[in-house]
Amino acid sequence: MTSLNIRIIKPEREIARIDGASMLVGESVGGQFSILPDHTAYTTILRTAPMEVRVDKGRIHRFVICGGILRMNKNQVDVCAASGEIGRDIDVERAEAAMKRARERLDSGDERMDRSRAEHALKRAMVRLKVASFRHG
């Protein structure tokens, strides 16, 4: 049976390499997408969102992907993320603290604040908590 070979990297290092995957689910600027083996060549820009890689026997690997590019060709999927992490490695307390700080910044009304940066920090913290919740629920 044909399968996907997936490599997820960020500037500092490789996050994961998964051979034999049956499906990848992610989110691009155009919306949610799924890739199955033998998918046509595909390239897209990624949003800050969860990413799932499904392998045999129903196992699912979950990741946080914060922007980047995905390229798929001949069952090789390369995810080049601006930043990202493996779901099981997420520090929930740290993510909750980051979400609280981002909300406080956005609610402060400070005109000098970089609103776009604070909104991105909030989004990233929310995605991290969502992915981490799968470990416990």
C-alpha atoms as a PDB file:
ATOM      1  CA  MET A   1       0.000   0.000   0.000  1.00  0.00           C
ATOM      2  CA  THR A   2       1.257   3.456  -0.886  1.00  0.00           C
ATOM      3  CA  SER A   3       1.927   5.866   1.991  1.00  0.00           C
ATOM      4  CA  LEU A   4       3.206   9.370   2.692  1.00  0.00           C
ATOM      5  CA  ASN A   5       6.685  10.252   3.911  1.00  0.00           C
ATOM      6  CA  ILE A   6       6.486  13.444   5.928  1.00  0.00           C
ATOM      7  CA  ARG A   7       9.218  15.761   7.143  1.00  0.00           C
ATOM      8  CA  ILE A   8       8.414  18.738   9.380  1.00  0.00           C
ATOM      9  CA  ILE A   9      11.184  21.257   9.915  1.00  0.00           C
ATOM     10  CA  LYS A  10      11.625  24.702  11.401  1.00  0.00           C
ATOM     11  CA  PRO A  11      14.639  26.978  10.977  1.00  0.00           C
ATOM     12  CA  GLU A  12      16.533  25.556  13.964  1.00  0.00           C
ATOM     13  CA  ARG A  13      15.960  21.841  13.423  1.00  0.00           C
ATOM     14  CA  GLU A  14      13.822  19.004  12.201  1.00  0.00           C
ATOM     15  CA  ILE A  15      10.687  18.555  14.315  1.00  0.00           C
ATOM     16  CA  ALA A  16       9.595  15.174  12.967  1.00  0.00           C
ATOM     17  CA  ARG A  17      10.066  12.629  10.224  1.00  0.00           C
ATOM     18  CA  ILE A  18       7.219  10.184   9.744  1.00  0.00           C
ATOM     19  CA  ASP A  19       7.319   7.458   7.121  1.00  0.00           C
ATOM     20  CA  GLY A  20       4.282   5.360   6.275  1.00  0.00           C
ATOM     21  CA  ALA A  21       1.597   7.947   7.014  1.00  0.00           C
ATOM     22  CA  SER A  22      -1.907   7.470   5.650  1.00  0.00           C
ATOM     23  CA  MET A  23      -3.089  11.095   5.836  1.00  0.00           C
ATOM     24  CA  LEU A  24      -2.029  14.627   6.716  1.00  0.00           C
ATOM     25  CA  VAL A  25      -4.577  17.256   7.773  1.00  0.00           C
ATOM     26  CA  GLY A  26      -3.588  20.923   8.038  1.00  0.00           C
ATOM     27  CA  GLU A  27      -4.748  24.459   7.464  1.00  0.00           C
ATOM     28  CA  SER A  28      -3.582  26.816   4.741  1.00  0.00           C
ATOM     29  CA  VAL A  29      -4.504  30.419   4.054  1.00  0.00           C
ATOM     30  CA  GLY A  30      -7.262  28.950   1.845  1.00  0.00           C
ATOM     31  CA  GLY A  31      -8.731  26.729   4.572  1.00  0.00           C
ATOM     32  CA  GLN A  32      -8.403  23.193   5.865  1.00  0.00           C
ATOM     33  CA  PHE A  33      -6.936  20.514   3.585  1.00  0.00           C
ATOM     34  CA  SER A  34      -6.167  16.796   3.648  1.00  0.00           C
ATOM     35  CA  ILE A  35      -3.469  14.933   1.760  1.00  0.00           C
ATOM     36  CA  LEU A  36      -3.703  11.220   1.018  1.00  0.00           C
ATOM     37  CA  PRO A  37      -1.140   8.982  -0.684  1.00  0.00           C
ATOM     38  CA  ASP A  38      -0.848   9.534  -4.439  1.00  0.00           C
ATOM     39  CA  HIS A  39      -2.227  13.075  -4.126  1.00  0.00           C
ATOM     40  CA  THR A  40      -1.346  15.328  -7.021  1.00  0.00           C
ATOM     41  CA  ALA A  41       1.622  17.664  -6.495  1.00  0.00           C
ATOM     42  CA  TYR A  42       0.576  20.422  -4.093  1.00  0.00           C
ATOM     43  CA  THR A  43       2.153  23.523  -2.567  1.00  0.00           C
ATOM     44  CA  THR A  44       0.465  25.879  -0.102  1.00  0.00           C
ATOM     45  CA  ILE A  45       1.098  28.569   2.499  1.00  0.00           C
ATOM     46  CA  LEU A  46       0.320  27.427   6.027  1.00  0.00           C
ATOM     47  CA  ARG A  47      -1.506  29.298   8.782  1.00  0.00           C
ATOM     48  CA  THR A  48      -0.948  29.060  12.502  1.00  0.00           C
ATOM     49  CA  ALA A  49      -3.014  25.956  13.182  1.00  0.00           C
ATOM     50  CA  PRO A  50      -2.937  22.343  14.353  1.00  0.00           C
ATOM     51  CA  MET A  51      -1.594  19.694  11.985  1.00  0.00           C
ATOM     52  CA  GLU A  52      -2.372  15.987  12.236  1.00  0.00           C
ATOM     53  CA  VAL A  53      -0.508  13.089  10.695  1.00  0.00           C
ATOM     54  CA  ARG A  54      -2.349   9.782  10.746  1.00  0.00           C
ATOM     55  CA  VAL A  55      -0.446   6.543  10.599  1.00  0.00           C
ATOM     56  CA  ASP A  56      -1.365   2.864  10.709  1.00  0.00           C
ATOM     57  CA  LYS A  57      -3.583   1.428  13.430  1.00  0.00           C
ATOM     58  CA  GLY A  58      -5.313   4.762  13.992  1.00  0.00           C
ATOM     59  CA  ARG A  59      -2.356   6.506  15.616  1.00  0.00           C
ATOM     60  CA  ILE A  60      -2.346  10.285  15.226  1.00  0.00           C
ATOM     61  CA  HIS A  61       0.657  12.589  15.645  1.00  0.00           C
ATOM     62  CA  ARG A  62      -0.344  16.177  16.417  1.00  0.00           C
ATOM     63  CA  PHE A  63       1.702  19.316  15.858  1.00  0.00           C
ATOM     64  CA  VAL A  64       1.418  23.072  16.215  1.00  0.00           C
ATOM     65  CA  ILE A  65       2.486  24.772  12.987  1.00  0.00           C
ATOM     66  CA  CYS A  66       2.942  28.551  13.044  1.00  0.00           C
ATOM     67  CA  GLY A  67       3.037  29.597   9.422  1.00  0.00           C
ATOM     68  CA  GLY A  68       5.241  28.267   6.684  1.00  0.00           C
ATOM     69  CA  ILE A  69       5.037  26.331   3.447  1.00  0.00           C
ATOM     70  CA  LEU A  70       3.935  22.797   2.635  1.00  0.00           C
ATOM     71  CA  ARG A  71       5.047  21.025  -0.521  1.00  0.00           C
ATOM     72  CA  MET A  72       3.854  17.583  -1.596  1.00  0.00           C
ATOM     73  CA  ASN A  73       5.229  15.661  -4.565  1.00  0.00           C
ATOM     74  CA  LYS A  74       5.312  11.896  -5.219  1.00  0.00           C
ATOM     75  CA  ASN A  75       4.174  11.026  -1.670  1.00  0.00           C
ATOM     76  CA  GLN A  76       6.935  13.133  -0.088  1.00  0.00           C
ATOM     77  CA  VAL A  77       5.506  15.929   2.070  1.00  0.00           C
ATOM     78  CA  ASP A  78       7.844  18.669   3.296  1.00  0.00           C
ATOM     79  CA  VAL A  79       6.528  21.124   5.872  1.00  0.00           C
ATOM     80  CA  CYS A  80       8.819  24.123   6.378  1.00  0.00           C
ATOM     81  CA  ALA A  81       7.315  25.897   9.383  1.00  0.00           C
ATOM     82  CA  ALA A  82       8.290  29.328  10.669  1.00  0.00           C
ATOM     83  CA  SER A  83       7.922  27.715  14.104  1.00  0.00           C
ATOM     84  CA  GLY A  84       6.226  24.662  15.474  1.00  0.00           C
ATOM     85  CA  GLU A  85       6.277  21.904  18.024  1.00  0.00           C
ATOM     86  CA  ILE A  86       5.143  18.380  18.720  1.00  0.00           C
ATOM     87  CA  GLY A  87       1.830  18.258  20.559  1.00  0.00           C
ATOM     88  CA  ARG A  88       3.049  16.004  23.368  1.00  0.00           C
ATOM     89  CA  ASP A  89       5.897  18.465  24.140  1.00  0.00           C
ATOM     90  CA  ILE A  90       3.650  21.491  24.766  1.00  0.00           C
ATOM     91  CA  ASP A  91       4.058  23.093  28.183  1.00  0.00           C
ATOM     92  CA  VAL A  92       0.422  23.850  29.068  1.00  0.00           C
ATOM     93  CA  GLU A  93       1.250  26.288  31.891  1.00  0.00           C
ATOM     94  CA  ARG A  94       3.539  28.254  29.598  1.00  0.00           C
ATOM     95  CA  ALA A  95       0.875  28.351  26.853  1.00  0.00           C
ATOM     96  CA  GLU A  96      -1.769  29.533  29.341  1.00  0.00           C
ATOM     97  CA  ALA A  97       0.571  32.269  30.599  1.00  0.00           C
ATOM     98  CA  ALA A  98       1.285  33.376  27.007  1.00  0.00           C
ATOM     99  CA  MET A  99      -2.439  33.529  26.278  1.00  0.00           C
ATOM    100  CA  LYS A 100      -3.051  35.614  29.393  1.00  0.00           C
ATOM    101  CA  ARG A 101      -0.232  38.045  28.505  1.00  0.00           C
ATOM    102  CA  ALA A 102      -1.496  38.431  24.931  1.00  0.00           C
ATOM    103  CA  ARG A 103      -5.054  39.121  26.109  1.00  0.00           C
ATOM    104  CA  GLU A 104      -3.793  41.676  28.620  1.00  0.00           C
ATOM    105  CA  ARG A 105      -1.824  43.448  25.893  1.00  0.00           C
ATOM    106  CA  LEU A 106      -4.802  43.505  23.559  1.00  0.00           C
ATOM    107  CA  ASP A 107      -7.102  44.801  26.324  1.00  0.00           C
ATOM    108  CA  SER A 108      -4.644  47.449  27.509  1.00  0.00           C
ATOM    109  CA  GLY A 109      -5.527  50.028  24.870  1.00  0.00           C
ATOM    110  CA  ASP A 110      -1.850  50.971  24.631  1.00  0.00           C
ATOM    111  CA  GLU A 111      -1.421  52.752  21.287  1.00  0.00           C
ATOM    112  CA  ARG A 112       2.282  51.825  21.152  1.00  0.00           C
ATOM    113  CA  MET A 113       1.466  48.114  21.256  1.00  0.00           C
ATOM    114  CA  ASP A 114       1.975  46.100  18.078  1.00  0.00           C
ATOM    115  CA  ARG A 115      -1.587  44.803  17.759  1.00  0.00           C
ATOM    116  CA  SER A 116      -0.792  42.346  14.974  1.00  0.00           C
ATOM    117  CA  ARG A 117       1.990  40.767  17.027  1.00  0.00           C
ATOM    118  CA  ALA A 118      -0.249  40.477  20.097  1.00  0.00           C
ATOM    119  CA  GLU A 119      -3.033  38.893  18.019  1.00  0.00           C
ATOM    120  CA  HIS A 120      -0.572  36.375  16.586  1.00  0.00           C
ATOM    121  CA  ALA A 121       0.700  35.540  20.092  1.00  0.00           C
ATOM    122  CA  LEU A 122      -2.875  34.959  21.235  1.00  0.00           C
ATOM    123  CA  LYS A 123      -3.648  32.740  18.225  1.00  0.00           C
ATOM    124  CA  ARG A 124      -0.480  30.707  18.754  1.00  0.00           C
ATOM    125  CA  ALA A 125      -1.236  30.193  22.463  1.00  0.00           C
ATOM    126  CA  MET A 126      -4.802  29.126  21.665  1.00  0.00           C
ATOM    127  CA  VAL A 127      -3.616  26.611  19.053  1.00  0.00           C
ATOM    128  CA  ARG A 128      -0.999  25.245  21.446  1.00  0.00           C
ATOM    129  CA  LEU A 129      -3.663  24.711  24.128  1.00  0.00           C
ATOM    130  CA  LYS A 130      -6.023  23.078  21.635  1.00  0.00           C
ATOM    131  CA  VAL A 131      -3.373  20.615  20.481  1.00  0.00           C
ATOM    132  CA  ALA A 132      -2.279  19.927  24.089  1.00  0.00           C
ATOM    133  CA  SER A 133      -5.885  19.178  25.071  1.00  0.00           C
ATOM    134  CA  PHE A 134      -5.826  16.014  22.938  1.00  0.00           C
ATOM    135  CA  ARG A 135      -3.336  14.500  25.403  1.00  0.00           C
ATOM    136  CA  HIS A 136      -5.846  14.822  28.216  1.00  0.00           C
ATOM    137  CA  GLY A 137      -9.230  14.464  26.566  1.00  0.00           C
END
